[in-house]
């Protein structure tokens, strides 16, 4: 009986090995490897979904973790997300929540589900502390006044 080239990933060692193989195949940019790339991607995604630590991290911790994994700095996020340095700083320091557009861009860039970035977490900004969580856009609002029509 012929042994399979790839099997279900059962250890972190194989996970790392398959990720390395996938990276090398992607660099070749050859359509001959399309099926192999697709299979490795499925196997790696299955492992990620079962052993995903993303659920343990709040969205800001997740961003920081992904930045570290990808050797990115805050200035790199400026380009990736199309935001100012000040806004990136506010996000990374829990002073500003993530907008829908920012979540979409993070998800696309890091190939992570939008749900991982769209979870509630505490903000430290005094101005916005009255909001329950960071899923709300953190802009200054006068919640006490109403507009008469």
C-alpha atoms as a PDB file:
ATOM      1  CA  UNK A   1       0.000   0.000   0.000  1.00  0.00           C
ATOM      2  CA  UNK A   2       1.280   3.439  -0.941  1.00  0.00           C
ATOM      3  CA  UNK A   3       1.835   5.869   1.951  1.00  0.00           C
ATOM      4  CA  UNK A   4       0.211   9.254   1.777  1.00  0.00           C
ATOM      5  CA  UNK A   5       2.380  12.290   1.198  1.00  0.00           C
ATOM      6  CA  UNK A   6       0.294  14.317   3.707  1.00  0.00           C
ATOM      7  CA  UNK A   7      -1.952  13.235   6.554  1.00  0.00           C
ATOM      8  CA  UNK A   8      -4.155  14.956   9.114  1.00  0.00           C
ATOM      9  CA  UNK A   9      -1.962  17.114  11.347  1.00  0.00           C
ATOM     10  CA  UNK A  10      -1.820  15.618  14.834  1.00  0.00           C
ATOM     11  CA  UNK A  11       1.227  17.333  16.325  1.00  0.00           C
ATOM     12  CA  UNK A  12       2.649  20.831  16.423  1.00  0.00           C
ATOM     13  CA  UNK A  13       5.788  19.430  14.782  1.00  0.00           C
ATOM     14  CA  UNK A  14       3.813  18.393  11.700  1.00  0.00           C
ATOM     15  CA  UNK A  15       1.911  21.667  11.749  1.00  0.00           C
ATOM     16  CA  UNK A  16       5.183  23.601  11.570  1.00  0.00           C
ATOM     17  CA  UNK A  17       6.542  21.253   8.908  1.00  0.00           C
ATOM     18  CA  UNK A  18       3.451  21.623   6.702  1.00  0.00           C
ATOM     19  CA  UNK A  19       3.463  25.412   7.104  1.00  0.00           C
ATOM     20  CA  UNK A  20       7.076  25.471   5.959  1.00  0.00           C
ATOM     21  CA  UNK A  21       6.316  23.272   2.946  1.00  0.00           C
ATOM     22  CA  UNK A  22       3.316  25.438   2.050  1.00  0.00           C
ATOM     23  CA  UNK A  23       5.414  28.608   2.187  1.00  0.00           C
ATOM     24  CA  UNK A  24       8.005  27.092  -0.162  1.00  0.00           C
ATOM     25  CA  UNK A  25       5.328  25.953  -2.615  1.00  0.00           C
ATOM     26  CA  UNK A  26       3.673  29.372  -2.597  1.00  0.00           C
ATOM     27  CA  UNK A  27       6.997  31.029  -3.424  1.00  0.00           C
ATOM     28  CA  UNK A  28       7.362  28.840  -6.527  1.00  0.00           C
ATOM     29  CA  UNK A  29       4.194  30.373  -8.014  1.00  0.00           C
ATOM     30  CA  UNK A  30       3.694  27.346 -10.249  1.00  0.00           C
ATOM     31  CA  UNK A  31       0.192  26.069 -11.082  1.00  0.00           C
ATOM     32  CA  UNK A  32       1.568  22.500 -10.997  1.00  0.00           C
ATOM     33  CA  UNK A  33       1.437  22.715  -7.197  1.00  0.00           C
ATOM     34  CA  UNK A  34      -2.129  24.062  -6.985  1.00  0.00           C
ATOM     35  CA  UNK A  35      -3.700  20.850  -5.623  1.00  0.00           C
ATOM     36  CA  UNK A  36      -0.870  20.310  -3.164  1.00  0.00           C
ATOM     37  CA  UNK A  37      -1.155  23.914  -1.946  1.00  0.00           C
ATOM     38  CA  UNK A  38      -4.912  23.535  -1.562  1.00  0.00           C
ATOM     39  CA  UNK A  39      -4.552  20.286   0.401  1.00  0.00           C
ATOM     40  CA  UNK A  40      -1.897  21.724   2.725  1.00  0.00           C
ATOM     41  CA  UNK A  41      -4.021  24.823   3.255  1.00  0.00           C
ATOM     42  CA  UNK A  42      -7.012  22.670   4.261  1.00  0.00           C
ATOM     43  CA  UNK A  43      -4.918  20.586   6.649  1.00  0.00           C
ATOM     44  CA  UNK A  44      -3.350  23.672   8.233  1.00  0.00           C
ATOM     45  CA  UNK A  45      -6.718  25.436   8.545  1.00  0.00           C
ATOM     46  CA  UNK A  46      -8.202  22.348  10.201  1.00  0.00           C
ATOM     47  CA  UNK A  47      -5.375  22.370  12.773  1.00  0.00           C
ATOM     48  CA  UNK A  48      -5.772  26.128  13.286  1.00  0.00           C
ATOM     49  CA  UNK A  49      -9.510  25.800  13.889  1.00  0.00           C
ATOM     50  CA  UNK A  50      -9.038  22.995  16.415  1.00  0.00           C
ATOM     51  CA  UNK A  51      -6.031  24.490  18.192  1.00  0.00           C
ATOM     52  CA  UNK A  52      -6.831  28.122  17.713  1.00  0.00           C
ATOM     53  CA  UNK A  53      -5.655  30.370  20.531  1.00  0.00           C
ATOM     54  CA  UNK A  54      -7.288  33.380  18.866  1.00  0.00           C
ATOM     55  CA  UNK A  55     -10.373  32.859  21.012  1.00  0.00           C
ATOM     56  CA  UNK A  56      -8.261  33.360  24.133  1.00  0.00           C
ATOM     57  CA  UNK A  57      -6.982  36.751  22.985  1.00  0.00           C
ATOM     58  CA  UNK A  58      -8.904  39.980  22.867  1.00  0.00           C
ATOM     59  CA  UNK A  59      -8.730  41.743  19.476  1.00  0.00           C
ATOM     60  CA  UNK A  60      -5.846  44.042  20.483  1.00  0.00           C
ATOM     61  CA  UNK A  61      -3.792  41.138  21.866  1.00  0.00           C
ATOM     62  CA  UNK A  62      -4.528  39.258  18.656  1.00  0.00           C
ATOM     63  CA  UNK A  63      -3.303  42.167  16.532  1.00  0.00           C
ATOM     64  CA  UNK A  64      -0.122  42.405  18.603  1.00  0.00           C
ATOM     65  CA  UNK A  65       0.437  38.657  18.322  1.00  0.00           C
ATOM     66  CA  UNK A  66      -0.044  38.727  14.540  1.00  0.00           C
ATOM     67  CA  UNK A  67       2.279  41.724  14.288  1.00  0.00           C
ATOM     68  CA  UNK A  68       4.961  39.806  16.193  1.00  0.00           C
ATOM     69  CA  UNK A  69       4.475  36.661  14.080  1.00  0.00           C
ATOM     70  CA  UNK A  70       4.812  38.684  10.887  1.00  0.00           C
ATOM     71  CA  UNK A  71       7.627  40.958  12.144  1.00  0.00           C
ATOM     72  CA  UNK A  72       5.443  44.035  11.764  1.00  0.00           C
ATOM     73  CA  UNK A  73       5.625  47.328  13.608  1.00  0.00           C
ATOM     74  CA  UNK A  74       2.869  49.864  14.223  1.00  0.00           C
ATOM     75  CA  UNK A  75       4.029  51.891  11.192  1.00  0.00           C
ATOM     76  CA  UNK A  76       3.379  48.829   9.025  1.00  0.00           C
ATOM     77  CA  UNK A  77      -0.238  48.803  10.232  1.00  0.00           C
ATOM     78  CA  UNK A  78      -0.539  52.414   9.076  1.00  0.00           C
ATOM     79  CA  UNK A  79      -0.001  51.217   5.496  1.00  0.00           C
ATOM     80  CA  UNK A  80      -2.016  48.006   5.846  1.00  0.00           C
ATOM     81  CA  UNK A  81      -5.061  49.636   7.428  1.00  0.00           C
ATOM     82  CA  UNK A  82      -4.857  53.077   5.855  1.00  0.00           C
ATOM     83  CA  UNK A  83      -5.031  54.755   9.263  1.00  0.00           C
ATOM     84  CA  UNK A  84      -2.896  57.444  10.893  1.00  0.00           C
ATOM     85  CA  UNK A  85      -0.074  56.627  13.321  1.00  0.00           C
ATOM     86  CA  UNK A  86      -2.125  58.248  16.086  1.00  0.00           C
ATOM     87  CA  UNK A  87      -5.154  56.056  15.400  1.00  0.00           C
ATOM     88  CA  UNK A  88      -3.013  52.893  15.333  1.00  0.00           C
ATOM     89  CA  UNK A  89      -1.462  53.945  18.645  1.00  0.00           C
ATOM     90  CA  UNK A  90      -4.913  54.532  20.171  1.00  0.00           C
ATOM     91  CA  UNK A  91      -6.089  51.093  19.016  1.00  0.00           C
ATOM     92  CA  UNK A  92      -2.977  49.286  20.326  1.00  0.00           C
ATOM     93  CA  UNK A  93      -3.239  51.098  23.676  1.00  0.00           C
ATOM     94  CA  UNK A  94      -6.956  50.348  24.203  1.00  0.00           C
ATOM     95  CA  UNK A  95      -8.048  53.953  23.696  1.00  0.00           C
ATOM     96  CA  UNK A  96     -10.038  53.355  20.493  1.00  0.00           C
ATOM     97  CA  UNK A  97     -12.111  50.429  19.257  1.00  0.00           C
ATOM     98  CA  UNK A  98     -11.935  48.776  15.864  1.00  0.00           C
ATOM     99  CA  UNK A  99     -14.230  50.024  13.107  1.00  0.00           C
ATOM    100  CA  UNK A 100     -15.937  47.596  10.733  1.00  0.00           C
ATOM    101  CA  UNK A 101     -13.587  48.662   7.934  1.00  0.00           C
ATOM    102  CA  UNK A 102     -10.503  48.132  10.126  1.00  0.00           C
ATOM    103  CA  UNK A 103     -11.757  44.674  11.113  1.00  0.00           C
ATOM    104  CA  UNK A 104     -12.320  43.822   7.445  1.00  0.00           C
ATOM    105  CA  UNK A 105      -8.816  44.961   6.477  1.00  0.00           C
ATOM    106  CA  UNK A 106      -7.176  43.093   9.368  1.00  0.00           C
ATOM    107  CA  UNK A 107      -9.082  39.958   8.438  1.00  0.00           C
ATOM    108  CA  UNK A 108      -8.067  40.199   4.782  1.00  0.00           C
ATOM    109  CA  UNK A 109      -4.422  40.958   5.494  1.00  0.00           C
ATOM    110  CA  UNK A 110      -3.820  38.316   8.170  1.00  0.00           C
ATOM    111  CA  UNK A 111      -6.240  35.741   6.705  1.00  0.00           C
ATOM    112  CA  UNK A 112      -8.094  35.482  10.014  1.00  0.00           C
ATOM    113  CA  UNK A 113     -11.845  35.390  10.519  1.00  0.00           C
ATOM    114  CA  UNK A 114     -13.451  38.790  11.147  1.00  0.00           C
ATOM    115  CA  UNK A 115     -15.091  37.272  14.224  1.00  0.00           C
ATOM    116  CA  UNK A 116     -11.680  37.095  15.925  1.00  0.00           C
ATOM    117  CA  UNK A 117     -11.400  40.903  15.769  1.00  0.00           C
ATOM    118  CA  UNK A 118     -15.073  41.618  16.411  1.00  0.00           C
ATOM    119  CA  UNK A 119     -15.299  40.668  20.087  1.00  0.00           C
ATOM    120  CA  UNK A 120     -15.912  42.989  23.025  1.00  0.00           C
ATOM    121  CA  UNK A 121     -12.975  44.200  25.108  1.00  0.00           C
ATOM    122  CA  UNK A 122     -12.403  46.930  27.671  1.00  0.00           C
ATOM    123  CA  UNK A 123     -11.203  50.385  26.679  1.00  0.00           C
ATOM    124  CA  UNK A 124      -9.110  52.568  28.984  1.00  0.00           C
ATOM    125  CA  UNK A 125      -9.990  55.926  27.447  1.00  0.00           C
ATOM    126  CA  UNK A 126     -11.849  58.059  30.008  1.00  0.00           C
ATOM    127  CA  UNK A 127     -13.921  59.808  27.316  1.00  0.00           C
ATOM    128  CA  UNK A 128     -15.293  56.510  26.032  1.00  0.00           C
ATOM    129  CA  UNK A 129     -15.449  54.546  29.257  1.00  0.00           C
ATOM    130  CA  UNK A 130     -19.278  54.843  29.397  1.00  0.00           C
ATOM    131  CA  UNK A 131     -19.528  52.491  26.411  1.00  0.00           C
ATOM    132  CA  UNK A 132     -19.937  48.846  27.384  1.00  0.00           C
ATOM    133  CA  UNK A 133     -17.296  47.595  24.972  1.00  0.00           C
ATOM    134  CA  UNK A 134     -15.035  48.544  22.113  1.00  0.00           C
ATOM    135  CA  UNK A 135     -17.381  47.344  19.407  1.00  0.00           C
ATOM    136  CA  UNK A 136     -18.810  50.842  19.348  1.00  0.00           C
ATOM    137  CA  UNK A 137     -16.985  53.521  17.422  1.00  0.00           C
ATOM    138  CA  UNK A 138     -15.189  55.549  20.031  1.00  0.00           C
ATOM    139  CA  UNK A 139     -16.012  59.074  19.118  1.00  0.00           C
ATOM    140  CA  UNK A 140     -16.959  61.808  21.510  1.00  0.00           C
ATOM    141  CA  UNK A 141     -20.736  61.935  21.744  1.00  0.00           C
ATOM    142  CA  UNK A 142     -23.086  63.933  23.869  1.00  0.00           C
ATOM    143  CA  UNK A 143     -25.493  61.203  24.870  1.00  0.00           C
ATOM    144  CA  UNK A 144     -27.491  63.578  27.096  1.00  0.00           C
ATOM    145  CA  UNK A 145     -28.799  65.869  24.389  1.00  0.00           C
ATOM    146  CA  UNK A 146     -31.547  65.064  21.954  1.00  0.00           C
ATOM    147  CA  UNK A 147     -32.426  66.777  18.719  1.00  0.00           C
ATOM    148  CA  UNK A 148     -35.922  68.236  18.639  1.00  0.00           C
ATOM    149  CA  UNK A 149     -37.724  67.957  15.360  1.00  0.00           C
END
